[in-house]
C-alpha cells in the first residue's frame, strides 16, 4: 500500500480499473510505458510550441523587414495553437487510460 501512495495519482487511477490478481508484471510495465509515452509526447508538443513562439518573437524583434515581421506574427499564434492541441491530446489520452479504454487518435479529434 505504501508503494501506491508514493506513486502519482495518474498511475493509481490507471491501475484501479484492474483487480490486483489479474495483473502481472508485464501489464504493470505496459501501463507505465503508455503513461510515460503520453507525457513524453506532451513535452514534445511544449518544445515545438516554444520553438514557434520564440522564433516568432525573434523575427518580430530583430528583423526590420516586413516579410520577417509577418512571419513572426504567424509563428507566435502558431506556437499557442500547438500548445493547446498538445494539452488537449495529452488530457484526452490520460482520461482514456484512466477509464480503461483505448481510443484511436481519430476518435480523440472528433471530440
PDB file of N, CA and C in Angstrom:
ATOM      1  N   UNK A   1       0.819  -1.197   0.000  1.00  0.00           N
ATOM      2  CA  UNK A   1       0.000   0.000   0.000  1.00  0.00           C
ATOM      3  C   UNK A   1       0.858   1.253   0.000  1.00  0.00           C
ATOM      4  N   UNK A   2       1.993   1.231   0.702  1.00  0.00           N
ATOM      5  CA  UNK A   2       2.872   2.386   0.718  1.00  0.00           C
ATOM      6  C   UNK A   2       3.412   2.697  -0.664  1.00  0.00           C
ATOM      7  N   UNK A   3       3.614   1.639  -1.458  1.00  0.00           N
ATOM      8  CA  UNK A   3       4.120   1.850  -2.807  1.00  0.00           C
ATOM      9  C   UNK A   3       3.115   2.633  -3.643  1.00  0.00           C
ATOM     10  N   UNK A   4       1.817   2.357  -3.466  1.00  0.00           N
ATOM     11  CA  UNK A   4       0.805   3.097  -4.211  1.00  0.00           C
ATOM     12  C   UNK A   4       0.754   4.554  -3.785  1.00  0.00           C
ATOM     13  N   UNK A   5       0.983   4.853  -2.517  1.00  0.00           N
ATOM     14  CA  UNK A   5       0.966   6.230  -2.050  1.00  0.00           C
ATOM     15  C   UNK A   5       2.150   7.018  -2.612  1.00  0.00           C
ATOM     16  N   UNK A   6       3.265   6.339  -2.827  1.00  0.00           N
ATOM     17  CA  UNK A   6       4.435   7.005  -3.372  1.00  0.00           C
ATOM     18  C   UNK A   6       4.232   7.370  -4.833  1.00  0.00           C
ATOM     19  N   UNK A   7       3.464   6.572  -5.540  1.00  0.00           N
ATOM     20  CA  UNK A   7       3.256   6.817  -6.957  1.00  0.00           C
ATOM     21  C   UNK A   7       2.292   7.979  -7.132  1.00  0.00           C
ATOM     22  N   UNK A   8       2.374   8.607  -8.306  1.00  0.00           N
ATOM     23  CA  UNK A   8       1.491   9.731  -8.597  1.00  0.00           C
ATOM     24  C   UNK A   8       0.051   9.284  -8.750  1.00  0.00           C
ATOM     25  N   UNK A   9      -0.844  10.241  -8.662  1.00  0.00           N
ATOM     26  CA  UNK A   9      -2.270   9.950  -8.753  1.00  0.00           C
ATOM     27  C   UNK A   9      -2.644   9.347 -10.103  1.00  0.00           C
ATOM     28  N   UNK A  10      -2.010   9.817 -11.186  1.00  0.00           N
ATOM     29  CA  UNK A  10      -2.357   9.312 -12.510  1.00  0.00           C
ATOM     30  C   UNK A  10      -2.037   7.825 -12.631  1.00  0.00           C
ATOM     31  N   UNK A  11      -0.972   7.373 -11.974  1.00  0.00           N
ATOM     32  CA  UNK A  11      -0.640   5.954 -12.021  1.00  0.00           C
ATOM     33  C   UNK A  11      -1.652   5.143 -11.234  1.00  0.00           C
ATOM     34  N   UNK A  12      -2.116   5.656 -10.114  1.00  0.00           N
ATOM     35  CA  UNK A  12      -3.089   4.943  -9.317  1.00  0.00           C
ATOM     36  C   UNK A  12      -4.391   4.776 -10.085  1.00  0.00           C
ATOM     37  N   UNK A  13      -4.850   5.788 -10.764  1.00  0.00           N
ATOM     38  CA  UNK A  13      -6.113   5.673 -11.481  1.00  0.00           C
ATOM     39  C   UNK A  13      -6.002   4.699 -12.646  1.00  0.00           C
ATOM     40  N   UNK A  14      -4.826   4.588 -13.234  1.00  0.00           N
ATOM     41  CA  UNK A  14      -4.647   3.624 -14.321  1.00  0.00           C
ATOM     42  C   UNK A  14      -4.773   2.202 -13.788  1.00  0.00           C
ATOM     43  N   UNK A  15      -4.236   1.954 -12.599  1.00  0.00           N
ATOM     44  CA  UNK A  15      -4.258   0.616 -12.034  1.00  0.00           C
ATOM     45  C   UNK A  15      -5.581   0.282 -11.354  1.00  0.00           C
ATOM     46  N   UNK A  16      -6.337   1.240 -10.947  1.00  0.00           N
ATOM     47  CA  UNK A  16      -7.558   0.987 -10.185  1.00  0.00           C
ATOM     48  C   UNK A  16      -8.611   0.232 -10.982  1.00  0.00           C
ATOM     49  N   UNK A  17      -8.553   0.284 -12.269  1.00  0.00           N
ATOM     50  CA  UNK A  17      -9.574  -0.368 -13.075  1.00  0.00           C
ATOM     51  C   UNK A  17      -9.398  -1.885 -13.146  1.00  0.00           C
ATOM     52  N   UNK A  18      -8.284  -2.389 -12.641  1.00  0.00           N
ATOM     53  CA  UNK A  18      -8.000  -3.818 -12.678  1.00  0.00           C
ATOM     54  C   UNK A  18      -7.912  -4.386 -11.262  1.00  0.00           C
ATOM     55  N   UNK A  19      -8.248  -5.648 -11.149  1.00  0.00           N
ATOM     56  CA  UNK A  19      -8.002  -6.334  -9.875  1.00  0.00           C
ATOM     57  C   UNK A  19      -6.526  -6.684  -9.804  1.00  0.00           C
ATOM     58  N   UNK A  20      -5.978  -6.624  -8.625  1.00  0.00           N
ATOM     59  CA  UNK A  20      -4.552  -6.867  -8.459  1.00  0.00           C
ATOM     60  C   UNK A  20      -4.167  -8.278  -8.902  1.00  0.00           C
ATOM     61  N   UNK A  21      -5.066  -9.229  -8.722  1.00  0.00           N
ATOM     62  CA  UNK A  21      -4.778 -10.611  -9.094  1.00  0.00           C
ATOM     63  C   UNK A  21      -4.722 -10.784 -10.613  1.00  0.00           C
ATOM     64  N   UNK A  22      -5.376  -9.888 -11.367  1.00  0.00           N
ATOM     65  CA  UNK A  22      -5.429 -10.031 -12.817  1.00  0.00           C
ATOM     66  C   UNK A  22      -4.183  -9.506 -13.528  1.00  0.00           C
ATOM     67  N   UNK A  23      -3.385  -8.690 -12.838  1.00  0.00           N
ATOM     68  CA  UNK A  23      -2.230  -8.073 -13.478  1.00  0.00           C
ATOM     69  C   UNK A  23      -0.947  -8.824 -13.147  1.00  0.00           C
ATOM     70  N   UNK A  24      -0.122  -8.956 -14.158  1.00  0.00           N
ATOM     71  CA  UNK A  24       1.220  -9.496 -13.933  1.00  0.00           C
ATOM     72  C   UNK A  24       2.208  -8.362 -14.232  1.00  0.00           C
ATOM     73  N   UNK A  25       3.469  -8.618 -14.008  1.00  0.00           N
ATOM     74  CA  UNK A  25       4.478  -7.580 -14.168  1.00  0.00           C
ATOM     75  C   UNK A  25       4.438  -6.953 -15.557  1.00  0.00           C
ATOM     76  N   UNK A  26       4.247  -7.757 -16.571  1.00  0.00           N
ATOM     77  CA  UNK A  26       4.197  -7.255 -17.938  1.00  0.00           C
ATOM     78  C   UNK A  26       3.094  -6.220 -18.105  1.00  0.00           C
ATOM     79  N   UNK A  27       1.952  -6.434 -17.472  1.00  0.00           N
ATOM     80  CA  UNK A  27       0.840  -5.490 -17.569  1.00  0.00           C
ATOM     81  C   UNK A  27       1.157  -4.173 -16.869  1.00  0.00           C
ATOM     82  N   UNK A  28       1.770  -4.255 -15.697  1.00  0.00           N
ATOM     83  CA  UNK A  28       2.174  -3.030 -14.993  1.00  0.00           C
ATOM     84  C   UNK A  28       3.154  -2.225 -15.841  1.00  0.00           C
ATOM     85  N   UNK A  29       4.129  -2.924 -16.425  1.00  0.00           N
ATOM     86  CA  UNK A  29       5.125  -2.240 -17.236  1.00  0.00           C
ATOM     87  C   UNK A  29       4.505  -1.626 -18.494  1.00  0.00           C
ATOM     88  N   UNK A  30       3.570  -2.308 -19.097  1.00  0.00           N
ATOM     89  CA  UNK A  30       2.909  -1.769 -20.285  1.00  0.00           C
ATOM     90  C   UNK A  30       2.128  -0.509 -19.951  1.00  0.00           C
ATOM     91  N   UNK A  31       1.427  -0.518 -18.826  1.00  0.00           N
ATOM     92  CA  UNK A  31       0.691   0.682 -18.420  1.00  0.00           C
ATOM     93  C   UNK A  31       1.646   1.828 -18.120  1.00  0.00           C
ATOM     94  N   UNK A  32       2.740   1.524 -17.437  1.00  0.00           N
ATOM     95  CA  UNK A  32       3.728   2.569 -17.144  1.00  0.00           C
ATOM     96  C   UNK A  32       4.325   3.146 -18.421  1.00  0.00           C
ATOM     97  N   UNK A  33       4.661   2.289 -19.373  1.00  0.00           N
ATOM     98  CA  UNK A  33       5.223   2.770 -20.637  1.00  0.00           C
ATOM     99  C   UNK A  33       4.242   3.662 -21.374  1.00  0.00           C
ATOM    100  N   UNK A  34       2.972   3.316 -21.332  1.00  0.00           N
ATOM    101  CA  UNK A  34       1.963   4.110 -22.020  1.00  0.00           C
ATOM    102  C   UNK A  34       1.806   5.480 -21.370  1.00  0.00           C
ATOM    103  N   UNK A  35       1.793   5.517 -20.047  1.00  0.00           N
ATOM    104  CA  UNK A  35       1.670   6.795 -19.337  1.00  0.00           C
ATOM    105  C   UNK A  35       2.887   7.667 -19.617  1.00  0.00           C
ATOM    106  N   UNK A  36       4.075   7.078 -19.563  1.00  0.00           N
ATOM    107  CA  UNK A  36       5.296   7.847 -19.807  1.00  0.00           C
ATOM    108  C   UNK A  36       5.366   8.312 -21.263  1.00  0.00           C
ATOM    109  N   UNK A  37       4.916   7.494 -22.196  1.00  0.00           N
ATOM    110  CA  UNK A  37       4.901   7.895 -23.598  1.00  0.00           C
ATOM    111  C   UNK A  37       3.960   9.080 -23.814  1.00  0.00           C
ATOM    112  N   UNK A  38       2.840   9.075 -23.128  1.00  0.00           N
ATOM    113  CA  UNK A  38       1.905  10.194 -23.234  1.00  0.00           C
ATOM    114  C   UNK A  38       2.547  11.471 -22.694  1.00  0.00           C
ATOM    115  N   UNK A  39       3.229  11.373 -21.571  1.00  0.00           N
ATOM    116  CA  UNK A  39       3.902  12.543 -21.005  1.00  0.00           C
ATOM    117  C   UNK A  39       5.029  13.028 -21.911  1.00  0.00           C
ATOM    118  N   UNK A  40       5.766  12.096 -22.486  1.00  0.00           N
ATOM    119  CA  UNK A  40       6.867  12.455 -23.381  1.00  0.00           C
ATOM    120  C   UNK A  40       6.333  13.153 -24.639  1.00  0.00           C
ATOM    121  N   UNK A  41       5.203  12.696 -25.146  1.00  0.00           N
ATOM    122  CA  UNK A  41       4.606  13.327 -26.308  1.00  0.00           C
ATOM    123  C   UNK A  41       4.138  14.742 -25.979  1.00  0.00           C
ATOM    124  N   UNK A  42       3.575  14.928 -24.797  1.00  0.00           N
ATOM    125  CA  UNK A  42       3.155  16.265 -24.377  1.00  0.00           C
ATOM    126  C   UNK A  42       4.359  17.197 -24.272  1.00  0.00           C
ATOM    127  N   UNK A  43       5.462  16.698 -23.741  1.00  0.00           N
ATOM    128  CA  UNK A  43       6.668  17.529 -23.662  1.00  0.00           C
ATOM    129  C   UNK A  43       7.181  17.897 -25.055  1.00  0.00           C
ATOM    130  N   UNK A  44       7.030  17.015 -26.016  1.00  0.00           N
ATOM    131  CA  UNK A  44       7.421  17.336 -27.389  1.00  0.00           C
ATOM    132  C   UNK A  44       6.532  18.438 -27.959  1.00  0.00           C
ATOM    133  N   UNK A  45       5.239  18.395 -27.648  1.00  0.00           N
ATOM    134  CA  UNK A  45       4.348  19.473 -28.070  1.00  0.00           C
ATOM    135  C   UNK A  45       4.778  20.799 -27.449  1.00  0.00           C
ATOM    136  N   UNK A  46       5.132  20.782 -26.166  1.00  0.00           N
ATOM    137  CA  UNK A  46       5.568  22.003 -25.493  1.00  0.00           C
ATOM    138  C   UNK A  46       6.847  22.531 -26.147  1.00  0.00           C
ATOM    139  N   UNK A  47       7.785  21.647 -26.415  1.00  0.00           N
ATOM    140  CA  UNK A  47       9.038  22.053 -27.047  1.00  0.00           C
ATOM    141  C   UNK A  47       8.785  22.688 -28.416  1.00  0.00           C
ATOM    142  N   UNK A  48       7.903  22.097 -29.191  1.00  0.00           N
ATOM    143  CA  UNK A  48       7.588  22.633 -30.509  1.00  0.00           C
ATOM    144  C   UNK A  48       6.880  23.976 -30.393  1.00  0.00           C
ATOM    145  N   UNK A  49       5.950  24.086 -29.453  1.00  0.00           N
ATOM    146  CA  UNK A  49       5.229  25.347 -29.265  1.00  0.00           C
ATOM    147  C   UNK A  49       6.188  26.461 -28.847  1.00  0.00           C
ATOM    148  N   UNK A  50       7.111  26.155 -27.944  1.00  0.00           N
ATOM    149  CA  UNK A  50       8.093  27.155 -27.528  1.00  0.00           C
ATOM    150  C   UNK A  50       9.000  27.571 -28.683  1.00  0.00           C
ATOM    151  N   UNK A  51       9.376  26.624 -29.512  1.00  0.00           N
ATOM    152  CA  UNK A  51      10.221  26.946 -30.665  1.00  0.00           C
ATOM    153  C   UNK A  51       9.491  27.891 -31.614  1.00  0.00           C
ATOM    154  N   UNK A  52       8.221  27.622 -31.894  1.00  0.00           N
ATOM    155  CA  UNK A  52       7.436  28.522 -32.742  1.00  0.00           C
ATOM    156  C   UNK A  52       7.330  29.904 -32.117  1.00  0.00           C
ATOM    157  N   UNK A  53       7.011  29.943 -30.830  1.00  0.00           N
ATOM    158  CA  UNK A  53       6.798  31.216 -30.146  1.00  0.00           C
ATOM    159  C   UNK A  53       8.084  32.045 -30.109  1.00  0.00           C
ATOM    160  N   UNK A  54       9.175  31.426 -29.704  1.00  0.00           N
ATOM    161  CA  UNK A  54      10.450  32.150 -29.610  1.00  0.00           C
ATOM    162  C   UNK A  54      10.929  32.582 -30.992  1.00  0.00           C
ATOM    163  N   UNK A  55      10.752  31.738 -31.989  1.00  0.00           N
ATOM    164  CA  UNK A  55      11.125  32.125 -33.359  1.00  0.00           C
ATOM    165  C   UNK A  55      10.308  33.323 -33.821  1.00  0.00           C
ATOM    166  N   UNK A  56       9.020  33.296 -33.524  1.00  0.00           N
ATOM    167  CA  UNK A  56       8.171  34.417 -33.911  1.00  0.00           C
ATOM    168  C   UNK A  56       8.583  35.712 -33.238  1.00  0.00           C
ATOM    169  N   UNK A  57       8.848  35.661 -31.942  1.00  0.00           N
ATOM    170  CA  UNK A  57       9.277  36.866 -31.218  1.00  0.00           C
ATOM    171  C   UNK A  57      10.622  37.355 -31.748  1.00  0.00           C
ATOM    172  N   UNK A  58      11.509  36.441 -32.072  1.00  0.00           N
ATOM    173  CA  UNK A  58      12.812  36.815 -32.619  1.00  0.00           C
ATOM    174  C   UNK A  58      12.654  37.502 -33.966  1.00  0.00           C
ATOM    175  N   UNK A  59      11.840  36.953 -34.834  1.00  0.00           N
ATOM    176  CA  UNK A  59      11.619  37.581 -36.141  1.00  0.00           C
ATOM    177  C   UNK A  59      11.023  38.979 -35.989  1.00  0.00           C
ATOM    178  N   UNK A  60      10.093  39.128 -35.076  1.00  0.00           N
ATOM    179  CA  UNK A  60       9.447  40.433 -34.877  1.00  0.00           C
ATOM    180  C   UNK A  60      10.447  41.441 -34.307  1.00  0.00           C
ATOM    181  N   UNK A  61      11.228  41.016 -33.349  1.00  0.00           N
ATOM    182  CA  UNK A  61      12.085  41.947 -32.615  1.00  0.00           C
ATOM    183  C   UNK A  61      13.383  42.309 -33.349  1.00  0.00           C
ATOM    184  N   UNK A  62      14.023  41.345 -33.985  1.00  0.00           N
ATOM    185  CA  UNK A  62      15.366  41.584 -34.501  1.00  0.00           C
ATOM    186  C   UNK A  62      15.443  41.877 -35.998  1.00  0.00           C
ATOM    187  N   UNK A  63      14.443  41.578 -36.741  1.00  0.00           N
ATOM    188  CA  UNK A  63      14.497  41.825 -38.180  1.00  0.00           C
ATOM    189  C   UNK A  63      13.517  42.941 -38.519  1.00  0.00           C
ATOM    190  N   UNK A  64      13.983  43.901 -39.305  1.00  0.00           N
ATOM    191  CA  UNK A  64      13.166  45.064 -39.597  1.00  0.00           C
ATOM    192  C   UNK A  64      12.311  44.936 -40.848  1.00  0.00           C
ATOM    193  N   UNK A  65      12.546  43.912 -41.630  1.00  0.00           N
ATOM    194  CA  UNK A  65      11.793  43.789 -42.874  1.00  0.00           C
ATOM    195  C   UNK A  65      10.381  43.285 -42.607  1.00  0.00           C
ATOM    196  N   UNK A  66       9.459  43.721 -43.416  1.00  0.00           N
ATOM    197  CA  UNK A  66       8.042  43.384 -43.233  1.00  0.00           C
ATOM    198  C   UNK A  66       7.788  41.886 -43.405  1.00  0.00           C
ATOM    199  N   UNK A  67       8.554  41.244 -44.277  1.00  0.00           N
ATOM    200  CA  UNK A  67       8.362  39.805 -44.511  1.00  0.00           C
ATOM    201  C   UNK A  67       8.648  39.024 -43.222  1.00  0.00           C
ATOM    202  N   UNK A  68       9.709  39.395 -42.527  1.00  0.00           N
ATOM    203  CA  UNK A  68      10.055  38.699 -41.291  1.00  0.00           C
ATOM    204  C   UNK A  68       9.060  39.007 -40.174  1.00  0.00           C
ATOM    205  N   UNK A  69       8.544  40.235 -40.158  1.00  0.00           N
ATOM    206  CA  UNK A  69       7.543  40.565 -39.146  1.00  0.00           C
ATOM    207  C   UNK A  69       6.254  39.778 -39.368  1.00  0.00           C
ATOM    208  N   UNK A  70       5.852  39.643 -40.607  1.00  0.00           N
ATOM    209  CA  UNK A  70       4.659  38.841 -40.912  1.00  0.00           C
ATOM    210  C   UNK A  70       4.889  37.387 -40.521  1.00  0.00           C
ATOM    211  N   UNK A  71       6.081  36.889 -40.845  1.00  0.00           N
ATOM    212  CA  UNK A  71       6.421  35.521 -40.466  1.00  0.00           C
ATOM    213  C   UNK A  71       6.415  35.368 -38.947  1.00  0.00           C
ATOM    214  N   UNK A  72       6.953  36.361 -38.246  1.00  0.00           N
ATOM    215  CA  UNK A  72       6.958  36.330 -36.784  1.00  0.00           C
ATOM    216  C   UNK A  72       5.560  36.346 -36.200  1.00  0.00           C
ATOM    217  N   UNK A  73       4.703  37.222 -36.722  1.00  0.00           N
ATOM    218  CA  UNK A  73       3.326  37.285 -36.225  1.00  0.00           C
ATOM    219  C   UNK A  73       2.524  36.041 -36.600  1.00  0.00           C
ATOM    220  N   UNK A  74       3.005  35.267 -37.545  1.00  0.00           N
ATOM    221  CA  UNK A  74       2.374  33.982 -37.855  1.00  0.00           C
ATOM    222  C   UNK A  74       2.842  32.905 -36.876  1.00  0.00           C
ATOM    223  N   UNK A  75       4.121  32.938 -36.525  1.00  0.00           N
ATOM    224  CA  UNK A  75       4.677  31.916 -35.640  1.00  0.00           C
ATOM    225  C   UNK A  75       4.182  32.021 -34.199  1.00  0.00           C
ATOM    226  N   UNK A  76       3.948  33.235 -33.711  1.00  0.00           N
ATOM    227  CA  UNK A  76       3.522  33.397 -32.315  1.00  0.00           C
ATOM    228  C   UNK A  76       2.183  32.694 -32.056  1.00  0.00           C
ATOM    229  N   UNK A  77       1.126  32.967 -32.824  1.00  0.00           N
ATOM    230  CA  UNK A  77      -0.121  32.227 -32.567  1.00  0.00           C
ATOM    231  C   UNK A  77      -0.016  30.744 -32.910  1.00  0.00           C
ATOM    232  N   UNK A  78       0.850  30.414 -33.867  1.00  0.00           N
ATOM    233  CA  UNK A  78       1.053  29.002 -34.202  1.00  0.00           C
ATOM    234  C   UNK A  78       1.623  28.244 -33.002  1.00  0.00           C
ATOM    235  N   UNK A  79       2.499  28.894 -32.253  1.00  0.00           N
ATOM    236  CA  UNK A  79       3.028  28.295 -31.037  1.00  0.00           C
ATOM    237  C   UNK A  79       1.944  28.082 -29.994  1.00  0.00           C
ATOM    238  N   UNK A  80       1.076  29.076 -29.821  1.00  0.00           N
ATOM    239  CA  UNK A  80      -0.023  28.945 -28.856  1.00  0.00           C
ATOM    240  C   UNK A  80      -0.987  27.839 -29.270  1.00  0.00           C
ATOM    241  N   UNK A  81      -1.285  27.764 -30.540  1.00  0.00           N
ATOM    242  CA  UNK A  81      -2.203  26.734 -31.047  1.00  0.00           C
ATOM    243  C   UNK A  81      -1.586  25.345 -30.859  1.00  0.00           C
ATOM    244  N   UNK A  82      -0.288  25.222 -31.115  1.00  0.00           N
ATOM    245  CA  UNK A  82       0.393  23.941 -30.931  1.00  0.00           C
ATOM    246  C   UNK A  82       0.330  23.495 -29.477  1.00  0.00           C
ATOM    247  N   UNK A  83       0.531  24.438 -28.550  1.00  0.00           N
ATOM    248  CA  UNK A  83       0.450  24.095 -27.129  1.00  0.00           C
ATOM    249  C   UNK A  83      -0.959  23.644 -26.754  1.00  0.00           C
ATOM    250  N   UNK A  84      -1.975  24.328 -27.236  1.00  0.00           N
ATOM    251  CA  UNK A  84      -3.360  23.968 -26.909  1.00  0.00           C
ATOM    252  C   UNK A  84      -3.702  22.588 -27.459  1.00  0.00           C
ATOM    253  N   UNK A  85      -3.296  22.307 -28.681  1.00  0.00           N
ATOM    254  CA  UNK A  85      -3.554  20.982 -29.265  1.00  0.00           C
ATOM    255  C   UNK A  85      -2.832  19.900 -28.465  1.00  0.00           C
ATOM    256  N   UNK A  86      -1.586  20.159 -28.080  1.00  0.00           N
ATOM    257  CA  UNK A  86      -0.831  19.189 -27.292  1.00  0.00           C
ATOM    258  C   UNK A  86      -1.467  18.931 -25.939  1.00  0.00           C
ATOM    259  N   UNK A  87      -1.907  19.995 -25.267  1.00  0.00           N
ATOM    260  CA  UNK A  87      -2.561  19.842 -23.961  1.00  0.00           C
ATOM    261  C   UNK A  87      -3.854  19.036 -24.101  1.00  0.00           C
ATOM    262  N   UNK A  88      -4.615  19.348 -25.136  1.00  0.00           N
ATOM    263  CA  UNK A  88      -5.894  18.651 -25.348  1.00  0.00           C
ATOM    264  C   UNK A  88      -5.677  17.157 -25.585  1.00  0.00           C
ATOM    265  N   UNK A  89      -4.724  16.830 -26.435  1.00  0.00           N
ATOM    266  CA  UNK A  89      -4.453  15.415 -26.717  1.00  0.00           C
ATOM    267  C   UNK A  89      -3.902  14.697 -25.498  1.00  0.00           C
ATOM    268  N   UNK A  90      -3.015  15.367 -24.743  1.00  0.00           N
ATOM    269  CA  UNK A  90      -2.480  14.778 -23.528  1.00  0.00           C
ATOM    270  C   UNK A  90      -3.611  14.456 -22.553  1.00  0.00           C
ATOM    271  N   UNK A  91      -4.502  15.398 -22.365  1.00  0.00           N
ATOM    272  CA  UNK A  91      -5.591  15.209 -21.408  1.00  0.00           C
ATOM    273  C   UNK A  91      -6.552  14.111 -21.874  1.00  0.00           C
ATOM    274  N   UNK A  92      -6.841  14.038 -23.163  1.00  0.00           N
ATOM    275  CA  UNK A  92      -7.740  13.013 -23.676  1.00  0.00           C
ATOM    276  C   UNK A  92      -7.138  11.617 -23.529  1.00  0.00           C
ATOM    277  N   UNK A  93      -5.850  11.485 -23.811  1.00  0.00           N
ATOM    278  CA  UNK A  93      -5.212  10.175 -23.660  1.00  0.00           C
ATOM    279  C   UNK A  93      -5.154   9.792 -22.187  1.00  0.00           C
ATOM    280  N   UNK A  94      -4.866  10.761 -21.323  1.00  0.00           N
ATOM    281  CA  UNK A  94      -4.807  10.488 -19.890  1.00  0.00           C
ATOM    282  C   UNK A  94      -6.174  10.022 -19.376  1.00  0.00           C
ATOM    283  N   UNK A  95      -7.239  10.684 -19.797  1.00  0.00           N
ATOM    284  CA  UNK A  95      -8.581  10.258 -19.386  1.00  0.00           C
ATOM    285  C   UNK A  95      -8.928   8.894 -19.970  1.00  0.00           C
ATOM    286  N   UNK A  96      -8.529   8.658 -21.200  1.00  0.00           N
ATOM    287  CA  UNK A  96      -8.795   7.369 -21.827  1.00  0.00           C
ATOM    288  C   UNK A  96      -8.084   6.246 -21.079  1.00  0.00           C
ATOM    289  N   UNK A  97      -6.863   6.498 -20.646  1.00  0.00           N
ATOM    290  CA  UNK A  97      -6.128   5.493 -19.882  1.00  0.00           C
ATOM    291  C   UNK A  97      -6.765   5.242 -18.527  1.00  0.00           C
ATOM    292  N   UNK A  98      -7.224   6.297 -17.875  1.00  0.00           N
ATOM    293  CA  UNK A  98      -7.805   6.119 -16.543  1.00  0.00           C
ATOM    294  C   UNK A  98      -9.163   5.427 -16.620  1.00  0.00           C
ATOM    295  N   UNK A  99      -9.844   5.530 -17.761  1.00  0.00           N
ATOM    296  CA  UNK A  99     -11.129   4.858 -17.920  1.00  0.00           C
ATOM    297  C   UNK A  99     -10.971   3.439 -18.462  1.00  0.00           C
ATOM    298  N   UNK A 100      -9.769   3.105 -18.895  1.00  0.00           N
ATOM    299  CA  UNK A 100      -9.508   1.749 -19.358  1.00  0.00           C
ATOM    300  C   UNK A 100      -9.968   1.470 -20.761  1.00  0.00           C
ATOM    301  N   UNK A 101     -10.068   2.485 -21.565  1.00  0.00           N
ATOM    302  CA  UNK A 101     -10.459   2.247 -22.955  1.00  0.00           C
ATOM    303  C   UNK A 101      -9.333   2.709 -23.851  1.00  0.00           C
ATOM    304  N   UNK A 102      -9.247   2.118 -24.983  1.00  0.00           N
ATOM    305  CA  UNK A 102      -8.218   2.541 -25.931  1.00  0.00           C
ATOM    306  C   UNK A 102      -8.925   3.138 -27.136  1.00  0.00           C
ATOM    307  N   UNK A 103      -8.818   4.418 -27.238  1.00  0.00           N
ATOM    308  CA  UNK A 103      -9.425   5.120 -28.359  1.00  0.00           C
ATOM    309  C   UNK A 103      -8.347   5.429 -29.384  1.00  0.00           C
ATOM    310  N   UNK A 104      -8.715   5.394 -30.630  1.00  0.00           N
ATOM    311  CA  UNK A 104      -7.754   5.729 -31.670  1.00  0.00           C
ATOM    312  C   UNK A 104      -7.613   7.244 -31.748  1.00  0.00           C
ATOM    313  N   UNK A 105      -6.510   7.741 -32.283  1.00  0.00           N
ATOM    314  CA  UNK A 105      -6.334   9.182 -32.401  1.00  0.00           C
ATOM    315  C   UNK A 105      -7.441   9.853 -33.220  1.00  0.00           C
ATOM    316  N   UNK A 106      -8.015   9.151 -34.172  1.00  0.00           N
ATOM    317  CA  UNK A 106      -9.107   9.734 -34.947  1.00  0.00           C
ATOM    318  C   UNK A 106     -10.336   9.988 -34.062  1.00  0.00           C
ATOM    319  N   UNK A 107     -10.575   9.130 -33.093  1.00  0.00           N
ATOM    320  CA  UNK A 107     -11.697   9.332 -32.168  1.00  0.00           C
ATOM    321  C   UNK A 107     -11.429  10.505 -31.237  1.00  0.00           C
ATOM    322  N   UNK A 108     -10.164  10.759 -30.874  1.00  0.00           N
ATOM    323  CA  UNK A 108      -9.842  11.880 -29.988  1.00  0.00           C
ATOM    324  C   UNK A 108     -10.099  13.193 -30.683  1.00  0.00           C
ATOM    325  N   UNK A 109      -9.829  13.258 -31.985  1.00  0.00           N
ATOM    326  CA  UNK A 109     -10.008  14.500 -32.717  1.00  0.00           C
ATOM    327  C   UNK A 109     -11.477  14.827 -32.937  1.00  0.00           C
ATOM    328  N   UNK A 110     -12.338  13.817 -32.886  1.00  0.00           N
ATOM    329  CA  UNK A 110     -13.767  14.046 -33.084  1.00  0.00           C
ATOM    330  C   UNK A 110     -14.433  14.691 -31.883  1.00  0.00           C
ATOM    331  N   UNK A 111     -13.792  14.657 -30.736  1.00  0.00           N
ATOM    332  CA  UNK A 111     -14.407  15.196 -29.526  1.00  0.00           C
ATOM    333  C   UNK A 111     -14.341  16.688 -29.472  1.00  0.00           C
TER     334      UNK A 111
END
